[in-house]
Amino acid sequence: MQPGDKKYWFPAKKYGWGWGPPTCWQGWAIMAVWFVLLVSGEVTLMVSRQIVASVLYVILLSALLTFACYVKGEPPRWRWGK
């Protein structure tokens, strides 16, 4: 890796648009934190039967994960494989 090369935490998928599984510990840490927040928040909100808050919570967490992938991942574009 050259000094100017950027190491991506989330590589692009081979087919389609988006990112694949993380390739370094930082990406896996983001995924683990996202999963813990998702499960703990959903358990809390579903027990108290707050359906609208639960849906908004999932949307917010998904938007934050997408933003992290956009910032620390390969530039998104449609890919047809190689």
Foldseek 3Di string as FASTA:
>chain_A
DDPPDADAQWEADQAFWDTDQGDDVVSVVLVVVLVVCLVVVLVVCVVVPPVVVNVVSVVVSVVVNRVSCCVRYDHIDGHHHD
